[in-house]
Amino acid sequence: MTDENKKTDKQIVKSELIELYDEFVYLNEVCCFLLDAGSVMRINDQLFDKRSVGGYRQCSEALKGRLADFKAKLKLTCVDDVVS
């Protein structure tokens, strides 16, 4: 492998890591928001109305999907690095 190929490979890996990091930060923020929202409602003894429950559930399901995608992307990236 030439030095130019190594440099290109490192740039690709760096780009993939930055993308994964950005996705992780986003997912972390959404998780924190959902946890905080639930905690605030509980601490203040407020009940979720039907729309709040629906919105909370929708956000939770979307988050679960994004987390599954993130896990698969992370695994694929790790496997690609091992194979390379």
PDB file of N, CA and C in Angstrom:
ATOM      1  N   MET A   1       0.855  -1.172   0.000  1.00  0.00           N
ATOM      2  CA  MET A   1       0.000   0.000   0.000  1.00  0.00           C
ATOM      3  C   MET A   1       0.908   1.244   0.000  1.00  0.00           C
ATOM      4  N   THR A   2       0.611   2.163  -0.881  1.00  0.00           N
ATOM      5  CA  THR A   2       1.416   3.377  -0.970  1.00  0.00           C
ATOM      6  C   THR A   2       1.044   4.352   0.134  1.00  0.00           C
ATOM      7  N   ASP A   3       1.912   5.331   0.324  1.00  0.00           N
ATOM      8  CA  ASP A   3       1.644   6.357   1.341  1.00  0.00           C
ATOM      9  C   ASP A   3       0.380   7.136   1.011  1.00  0.00           C
ATOM     10  N   GLU A   4       0.147   7.368  -0.277  1.00  0.00           N
ATOM     11  CA  GLU A   4      -1.060   8.098  -0.698  1.00  0.00           C
ATOM     12  C   GLU A   4      -2.312   7.293  -0.367  1.00  0.00           C
ATOM     13  N   ASN A   5      -2.281   5.974  -0.574  1.00  0.00           N
ATOM     14  CA  ASN A   5      -3.420   5.112  -0.236  1.00  0.00           C
ATOM     15  C   ASN A   5      -3.657   5.096   1.270  1.00  0.00           C
ATOM     16  N   LYS A   6      -2.587   5.049   2.055  1.00  0.00           N
ATOM     17  CA  LYS A   6      -2.716   5.065   3.517  1.00  0.00           C
ATOM     18  C   LYS A   6      -3.354   6.362   3.980  1.00  0.00           C
ATOM     19  N   LYS A   7      -2.923   7.471   3.363  1.00  0.00           N
ATOM     20  CA  LYS A   7      -3.471   8.773   3.725  1.00  0.00           C
ATOM     21  C   LYS A   7      -4.959   8.831   3.392  1.00  0.00           C
ATOM     22  N   THR A   8      -5.337   8.322   2.221  1.00  0.00           N
ATOM     23  CA  THR A   8      -6.741   8.305   1.818  1.00  0.00           C
ATOM     24  C   THR A   8      -7.556   7.420   2.758  1.00  0.00           C
ATOM     25  N   ASP A   9      -7.027   6.250   3.114  1.00  0.00           N
ATOM     26  CA  ASP A   9      -7.712   5.347   4.036  1.00  0.00           C
ATOM     27  C   ASP A   9      -7.923   6.007   5.397  1.00  0.00           C
ATOM     28  N   LYS A  10      -6.909   6.717   5.890  1.00  0.00           N
ATOM     29  CA  LYS A  10      -7.035   7.406   7.171  1.00  0.00           C
ATOM     30  C   LYS A  10      -8.088   8.499   7.107  1.00  0.00           C
ATOM     31  N   GLN A  11      -8.161   9.197   5.965  1.00  0.00           N
ATOM     32  CA  GLN A  11      -9.169  10.248   5.805  1.00  0.00           C
ATOM     33  C   GLN A  11     -10.568   9.650   5.807  1.00  0.00           C
ATOM     34  N   ILE A  12     -10.727   8.479   5.171  1.00  0.00           N
ATOM     35  CA  ILE A  12     -12.031   7.809   5.134  1.00  0.00           C
ATOM     36  C   ILE A  12     -12.427   7.379   6.539  1.00  0.00           C
ATOM     37  N   VAL A  13     -11.510   6.768   7.264  1.00  0.00           N
ATOM     38  CA  VAL A  13     -11.787   6.327   8.635  1.00  0.00           C
ATOM     39  C   VAL A  13     -12.124   7.530   9.509  1.00  0.00           C
ATOM     40  N   LYS A  14     -11.365   8.604   9.379  1.00  0.00           N
ATOM     41  CA  LYS A  14     -11.622   9.807  10.161  1.00  0.00           C
ATOM     42  C   LYS A  14     -13.007  10.353   9.839  1.00  0.00           C
ATOM     43  N   SER A  15     -13.356  10.373   8.582  1.00  0.00           N
ATOM     44  CA  SER A  15     -14.679  10.858   8.164  1.00  0.00           C
ATOM     45  C   SER A  15     -15.789   9.985   8.747  1.00  0.00           C
ATOM     46  N   GLU A  16     -15.603   8.667   8.717  1.00  0.00           N
ATOM     47  CA  GLU A  16     -16.590   7.740   9.278  1.00  0.00           C
ATOM     48  C   GLU A  16     -16.721   7.938  10.787  1.00  0.00           C
ATOM     49  N   LEU A  17     -15.607   8.131  11.466  1.00  0.00           N
ATOM     50  CA  LEU A  17     -15.646   8.346  12.912  1.00  0.00           C
ATOM     51  C   LEU A  17     -16.349   9.653  13.267  1.00  0.00           C
ATOM     52  N   ILE A  18     -16.105  10.687  12.492  1.00  0.00           N
ATOM     53  CA  ILE A  18     -16.783  11.966  12.737  1.00  0.00           C
ATOM     54  C   ILE A  18     -18.282  11.801  12.529  1.00  0.00           C
ATOM     55  N   GLU A  19     -18.665  11.084  11.478  1.00  0.00           N
ATOM     56  CA  GLU A  19     -20.087  10.846  11.220  1.00  0.00           C
ATOM     57  C   GLU A  19     -20.726  10.047  12.357  1.00  0.00           C
ATOM     58  N   LEU A  20     -20.045   9.014  12.821  1.00  0.00           N
ATOM     59  CA  LEU A  20     -20.557   8.212  13.935  1.00  0.00           C
ATOM     60  C   LEU A  20     -20.638   9.039  15.213  1.00  0.00           C
ATOM     61  N   TYR A  21     -19.646   9.867  15.449  1.00  0.00           N
ATOM     62  CA  TYR A  21     -19.652  10.725  16.636  1.00  0.00           C
ATOM     63  C   TYR A  21     -20.831  11.698  16.594  1.00  0.00           C
ATOM     64  N   ASP A  22     -21.056  12.318  15.445  1.00  0.00           N
ATOM     65  CA  ASP A  22     -22.175  13.250  15.301  1.00  0.00           C
ATOM     66  C   ASP A  22     -23.505  12.551  15.559  1.00  0.00           C
ATOM     67  N   GLU A  23     -23.644  11.340  15.038  1.00  0.00           N
ATOM     68  CA  GLU A  23     -24.872  10.569  15.252  1.00  0.00           C
ATOM     69  C   GLU A  23     -25.026  10.229  16.737  1.00  0.00           C
ATOM     70  N   PHE A  24     -23.932   9.845  17.386  1.00  0.00           N
ATOM     71  CA  PHE A  24     -23.967   9.527  18.806  1.00  0.00           C
ATOM     72  C   PHE A  24     -24.392  10.742  19.630  1.00  0.00           C
ATOM     73  N   VAL A  25     -23.834  11.897  19.323  1.00  0.00           N
ATOM     74  CA  VAL A  25     -24.185  13.122  20.048  1.00  0.00           C
ATOM     75  C   VAL A  25     -25.674  13.414  19.891  1.00  0.00           C
ATOM     76  N   TYR A  26     -26.184  13.285  18.674  1.00  0.00           N
ATOM     77  CA  TYR A  26     -27.606  13.521  18.440  1.00  0.00           C
ATOM     78  C   TYR A  26     -28.458  12.543  19.259  1.00  0.00           C
ATOM     79  N   LEU A  27     -28.124  11.261  19.194  1.00  0.00           N
ATOM     80  CA  LEU A  27     -28.887  10.247  19.923  1.00  0.00           C
ATOM     81  C   LEU A  27     -28.820  10.485  21.423  1.00  0.00           C
ATOM     82  N   ASN A  28     -27.669  10.884  21.914  1.00  0.00           N
ATOM     83  CA  ASN A  28     -27.513  11.192  23.329  1.00  0.00           C
ATOM     84  C   ASN A  28     -28.435  12.343  23.737  1.00  0.00           C
ATOM     85  N   GLU A  29     -28.498  13.380  22.918  1.00  0.00           N
ATOM     86  CA  GLU A  29     -29.352  14.526  23.217  1.00  0.00           C
ATOM     87  C   GLU A  29     -30.824  14.123  23.260  1.00  0.00           C
ATOM     88  N   VAL A  30     -31.240  13.290  22.315  1.00  0.00           N
ATOM     89  CA  VAL A  30     -32.644  12.855  22.281  1.00  0.00           C
ATOM     90  C   VAL A  30     -32.963  11.989  23.500  1.00  0.00           C
ATOM     91  N   CYS A  31     -32.051  11.094  23.853  1.00  0.00           N
ATOM     92  CA  CYS A  31     -32.253  10.258  25.050  1.00  0.00           C
ATOM     93  C   CYS A  31     -32.389  11.130  26.294  1.00  0.00           C
ATOM     94  N   CYS A  32     -31.509  12.093  26.425  1.00  0.00           N
ATOM     95  CA  CYS A  32     -31.562  12.988  27.591  1.00  0.00           C
ATOM     96  C   CYS A  32     -32.872  13.761  27.627  1.00  0.00           C
ATOM     97  N   PHE A  33     -33.317  14.241  26.487  1.00  0.00           N
ATOM     98  CA  PHE A  33     -34.574  14.982  26.433  1.00  0.00           C
ATOM     99  C   PHE A  33     -35.741  14.107  26.893  1.00  0.00           C
ATOM    100  N   LEU A  34     -35.817  12.886  26.371  1.00  0.00           N
ATOM    101  CA  LEU A  34     -36.922  12.006  26.752  1.00  0.00           C
ATOM    102  C   LEU A  34     -36.876  11.666  28.237  1.00  0.00           C
ATOM    103  N   LEU A  35     -35.696  11.389  28.754  1.00  0.00           N
ATOM    104  CA  LEU A  35     -35.576  11.092  30.180  1.00  0.00           C
ATOM    105  C   LEU A  35     -35.941  12.293  31.034  1.00  0.00           C
ATOM    106  N   ASP A  36     -35.451  13.460  30.642  1.00  0.00           N
ATOM    107  CA  ASP A  36     -35.777  14.677  31.392  1.00  0.00           C
ATOM    108  C   ASP A  36     -37.269  14.981  31.350  1.00  0.00           C
ATOM    109  N   ALA A  37     -37.878  14.822  30.189  1.00  0.00           N
ATOM    110  CA  ALA A  37     -39.312  15.102  30.065  1.00  0.00           C
ATOM    111  C   ALA A  37     -40.127  14.180  30.970  1.00  0.00           C
ATOM    112  N   GLY A  38     -39.785  12.900  30.957  1.00  0.00           N
ATOM    113  CA  GLY A  38     -40.486  11.949  31.823  1.00  0.00           C
ATOM    114  C   GLY A  38     -40.261  12.247  33.293  1.00  0.00           C
ATOM    115  N   SER A  39     -39.029  12.594  33.634  1.00  0.00           N
ATOM    116  CA  SER A  39     -38.705  12.902  35.031  1.00  0.00           C
ATOM    117  C   SER A  39     -39.448  14.139  35.519  1.00  0.00           C
ATOM    118  N   VAL A  40     -39.472  15.170  34.706  1.00  0.00           N
ATOM    119  CA  VAL A  40     -40.153  16.405  35.090  1.00  0.00           C
ATOM    120  C   VAL A  40     -41.645  16.158  35.306  1.00  0.00           C
ATOM    121  N   MET A  41     -42.230  15.386  34.422  1.00  0.00           N
ATOM    122  CA  MET A  41     -43.653  15.088  34.568  1.00  0.00           C
ATOM    123  C   MET A  41     -43.897  14.322  35.868  1.00  0.00           C
ATOM    124  N   ARG A  42     -43.036  13.401  36.197  1.00  0.00           N
ATOM    125  CA  ARG A  42     -43.205  12.591  37.405  1.00  0.00           C
ATOM    126  C   ARG A  42     -42.940  13.421  38.661  1.00  0.00           C
ATOM    127  N   ILE A  43     -41.872  14.196  38.644  1.00  0.00           N
ATOM    128  CA  ILE A  43     -41.512  15.016  39.810  1.00  0.00           C
ATOM    129  C   ILE A  43     -42.628  15.994  40.140  1.00  0.00           C
ATOM    130  N   ASN A  44     -43.232  16.559  39.123  1.00  0.00           N
ATOM    131  CA  ASN A  44     -44.295  17.550  39.324  1.00  0.00           C
ATOM    132  C   ASN A  44     -45.672  16.915  39.469  1.00  0.00           C
ATOM    133  N   ASP A  45     -45.710  15.595  39.567  1.00  0.00           N
ATOM    134  CA  ASP A  45     -46.973  14.850  39.682  1.00  0.00           C
ATOM    135  C   ASP A  45     -47.986  15.238  38.606  1.00  0.00           C
ATOM    136  N   GLN A  46     -47.470  15.498  37.430  1.00  0.00           N
ATOM    137  CA  GLN A  46     -48.352  15.790  36.306  1.00  0.00           C
ATOM    138  C   GLN A  46     -48.580  14.505  35.533  1.00  0.00           C
ATOM    139  N   LEU A  47     -49.771  14.337  35.091  1.00  0.00           N
ATOM    140  CA  LEU A  47     -50.092  13.156  34.299  1.00  0.00           C
ATOM    141  C   LEU A  47     -49.937  13.470  32.820  1.00  0.00           C
ATOM    142  N   PHE A  48     -49.519  12.486  32.089  1.00  0.00           N
ATOM    143  CA  PHE A  48     -49.459  12.631  30.641  1.00  0.00           C
ATOM    144  C   PHE A  48     -50.878  12.526  30.089  1.00  0.00           C
ATOM    145  N   ASP A  49     -51.250  13.467  29.245  1.00  0.00           N
ATOM    146  CA  ASP A  49     -52.537  13.324  28.569  1.00  0.00           C
ATOM    147  C   ASP A  49     -52.332  12.420  27.353  1.00  0.00           C
ATOM    148  N   LYS A  50     -53.421  12.121  26.647  1.00  0.00           N
ATOM    149  CA  LYS A  50     -53.348  11.184  25.525  1.00  0.00           C
ATOM    150  C   LYS A  50     -52.358  11.645  24.454  1.00  0.00           C
ATOM    151  N   ARG A  51     -52.378  12.933  24.141  1.00  0.00           N
ATOM    152  CA  ARG A  51     -51.473  13.438  23.112  1.00  0.00           C
ATOM    153  C   ARG A  51     -50.024  13.363  23.572  1.00  0.00           C
ATOM    154  N   SER A  52     -49.770  13.650  24.845  1.00  0.00           N
ATOM    155  CA  SER A  52     -48.409  13.574  25.368  1.00  0.00           C
ATOM    156  C   SER A  52     -47.889  12.142  25.332  1.00  0.00           C
ATOM    157  N   VAL A  53     -48.744  11.207  25.713  1.00  0.00           N
ATOM    158  CA  VAL A  53     -48.357   9.795  25.680  1.00  0.00           C
ATOM    159  C   VAL A  53     -48.063   9.375  24.246  1.00  0.00           C
ATOM    160  N   GLY A  54     -48.916   9.806  23.326  1.00  0.00           N
ATOM    161  CA  GLY A  54     -48.699   9.466  21.915  1.00  0.00           C
ATOM    162  C   GLY A  54     -47.402  10.048  21.384  1.00  0.00           C
ATOM    163  N   GLY A  55     -47.126  11.304  21.724  1.00  0.00           N
ATOM    164  CA  GLY A  55     -45.888  11.941  21.287  1.00  0.00           C
ATOM    165  C   GLY A  55     -44.663  11.302  21.907  1.00  0.00           C
ATOM    166  N   TYR A  56     -44.759  10.990  23.178  1.00  0.00           N
ATOM    167  CA  TYR A  56     -43.648  10.350  23.888  1.00  0.00           C
ATOM    168  C   TYR A  56     -43.360   8.978  23.282  1.00  0.00           C
ATOM    169  N   ARG A  57     -44.416   8.234  23.020  1.00  0.00           N
ATOM    170  CA  ARG A  57     -44.269   6.902  22.419  1.00  0.00           C
ATOM    171  C   ARG A  57     -43.662   7.012  21.020  1.00  0.00           C
ATOM    172  N   GLN A  58     -44.141   7.983  20.244  1.00  0.00           N
ATOM    173  CA  GLN A  58     -43.626   8.168  18.889  1.00  0.00           C
ATOM    174  C   GLN A  58     -42.129   8.513  18.919  1.00  0.00           C
ATOM    175  N   CYS A  59     -41.753   9.409  19.806  1.00  0.00           N
ATOM    176  CA  CYS A  59     -40.334   9.764  19.952  1.00  0.00           C
ATOM    177  C   CYS A  59     -39.512   8.559  20.401  1.00  0.00           C
ATOM    178  N   SER A  60     -40.040   7.800  21.320  1.00  0.00           N
ATOM    179  CA  SER A  60     -39.329   6.613  21.821  1.00  0.00           C
ATOM    180  C   SER A  60     -39.113   5.591  20.720  1.00  0.00           C
ATOM    181  N   GLU A  61     -40.140   5.340  19.938  1.00  0.00           N
ATOM    182  CA  GLU A  61     -40.021   4.362  18.849  1.00  0.00           C
ATOM    183  C   GLU A  61     -39.043   4.844  17.780  1.00  0.00           C
ATOM    184  N   ALA A  62     -39.103   6.124  17.449  1.00  0.00           N
ATOM    185  CA  ALA A  62     -38.162   6.674  16.472  1.00  0.00           C
ATOM    186  C   ALA A  62     -36.730   6.569  16.996  1.00  0.00           C
ATOM    187  N   LEU A  63     -36.559   6.851  18.283  1.00  0.00           N
ATOM    188  CA  LEU A  63     -35.242   6.759  18.894  1.00  0.00           C
ATOM    189  C   LEU A  63     -34.732   5.318  18.874  1.00  0.00           C
ATOM    190  N   LYS A  64     -35.589   4.368  19.191  1.00  0.00           N
ATOM    191  CA  LYS A  64     -35.178   2.957  19.151  1.00  0.00           C
ATOM    192  C   LYS A  64     -34.715   2.566  17.754  1.00  0.00           C
ATOM    193  N   GLY A  65     -35.426   3.040  16.741  1.00  0.00           N
ATOM    194  CA  GLY A  65     -35.035   2.750  15.358  1.00  0.00           C
ATOM    195  C   GLY A  65     -33.686   3.358  15.015  1.00  0.00           C
ATOM    196  N   ARG A  66     -33.491   4.612  15.422  1.00  0.00           N
ATOM    197  CA  ARG A  66     -32.216   5.282  15.153  1.00  0.00           C
ATOM    198  C   ARG A  66     -31.077   4.593  15.897  1.00  0.00           C
ATOM    199  N   LEU A  67     -31.338   4.146  17.128  1.00  0.00           N
ATOM    200  CA  LEU A  67     -30.304   3.445  17.895  1.00  0.00           C
ATOM    201  C   LEU A  67     -29.931   2.113  17.241  1.00  0.00           C
ATOM    202  N   ALA A  68     -30.923   1.401  16.725  1.00  0.00           N
ATOM    203  CA  ALA A  68     -30.648   0.136  16.026  1.00  0.00           C
ATOM    204  C   ALA A  68     -29.815   0.397  14.771  1.00  0.00           C
ATOM    205  N   ASP A  69     -30.168   1.444  14.031  1.00  0.00           N
ATOM    206  CA  ASP A  69     -29.391   1.808  12.840  1.00  0.00           C
ATOM    207  C   ASP A  69     -27.960   2.189  13.215  1.00  0.00           C
ATOM    208  N   PHE A  70     -27.833   2.951  14.300  1.00  0.00           N
ATOM    209  CA  PHE A  70     -26.510   3.370  14.756  1.00  0.00           C
ATOM    210  C   PHE A  70     -25.665   2.161  15.149  1.00  0.00           C
ATOM    211  N   LYS A  71     -26.275   1.226  15.864  1.00  0.00           N
ATOM    212  CA  LYS A  71     -25.558   0.019  16.285  1.00  0.00           C
ATOM    213  C   LYS A  71     -25.075  -0.770  15.064  1.00  0.00           C
ATOM    214  N   ALA A  72     -25.938  -0.908  14.064  1.00  0.00           N
ATOM    215  CA  ALA A  72     -25.569  -1.640  12.861  1.00  0.00           C
ATOM    216  C   ALA A  72     -24.450  -0.918  12.105  1.00  0.00           C
ATOM    217  N   LYS A  73     -24.543   0.402  12.020  1.00  0.00           N
ATOM    218  CA  LYS A  73     -23.524   1.193  11.329  1.00  0.00           C
ATOM    219  C   LYS A  73     -22.188   1.088  12.056  1.00  0.00           C
ATOM    220  N   LEU A  74     -22.232   1.147  13.364  1.00  0.00           N
ATOM    221  CA  LEU A  74     -21.020   1.035  14.165  1.00  0.00           C
ATOM    222  C   LEU A  74     -20.381  -0.342  13.995  1.00  0.00           C
ATOM    223  N   LYS A  75     -21.208  -1.358  14.026  1.00  0.00           N
ATOM    224  CA  LYS A  75     -20.708  -2.729  13.855  1.00  0.00           C
ATOM    225  C   LYS A  75     -20.101  -2.908  12.473  1.00  0.00           C
ATOM    226  N   LEU A  76     -20.775  -2.398  11.457  1.00  0.00           N
ATOM    227  CA  LEU A  76     -20.282  -2.508  10.083  1.00  0.00           C
ATOM    228  C   LEU A  76     -18.954  -1.787   9.929  1.00  0.00           C
ATOM    229  N   THR A  77     -18.829  -0.624  10.534  1.00  0.00           N
ATOM    230  CA  THR A  77     -17.589   0.146  10.469  1.00  0.00           C
ATOM    231  C   THR A  77     -16.466  -0.628  11.132  1.00  0.00           C
ATOM    232  N   CYS A  78     -16.743  -1.218  12.277  1.00  0.00           N
ATOM    233  CA  CYS A  78     -15.719  -1.992  13.002  1.00  0.00           C
ATOM    234  C   CYS A  78     -15.304  -3.218  12.198  1.00  0.00           C
ATOM    235  N   VAL A  79     -16.271  -3.891  11.604  1.00  0.00           N
ATOM    236  CA  VAL A  79     -15.973  -5.097  10.811  1.00  0.00           C
ATOM    237  C   VAL A  79     -15.174  -4.715   9.573  1.00  0.00           C
ATOM    238  N   ASP A  80     -15.535  -3.616   8.923  1.00  0.00           N
ATOM    239  CA  ASP A  80     -14.796  -3.163   7.748  1.00  0.00           C
ATOM    240  C   ASP A  80     -13.346  -2.858   8.097  1.00  0.00           C
ATOM    241  N   ASP A  81     -13.115  -2.253   9.261  1.00  0.00           N
ATOM    242  CA  ASP A  81     -11.749  -1.919   9.676  1.00  0.00           C
ATOM    243  C   ASP A  81     -10.938  -3.188   9.958  1.00  0.00           C
ATOM    244  N   VAL A  82     -11.582  -4.208  10.502  1.00  0.00           N
ATOM    245  CA  VAL A  82     -10.880  -5.466  10.795  1.00  0.00           C
ATOM    246  C   VAL A  82     -10.539  -6.189   9.504  1.00  0.00           C
ATOM    247  N   VAL A  83     -11.466  -6.172   8.538  1.00  0.00           N
ATOM    248  CA  VAL A  83     -11.257  -6.872   7.270  1.00  0.00           C
ATOM    249  C   VAL A  83     -10.188  -6.173   6.444  1.00  0.00           C
ATOM    250  N   SER A  84     -10.146  -4.843   6.507  1.00  0.00           N
ATOM    251  CA  SER A  84      -9.196  -4.069   5.676  1.00  0.00           C
ATOM    252  C   SER A  84      -7.760  -4.331   6.040  1.00  0.00           C
TER     253      SER A  84
END
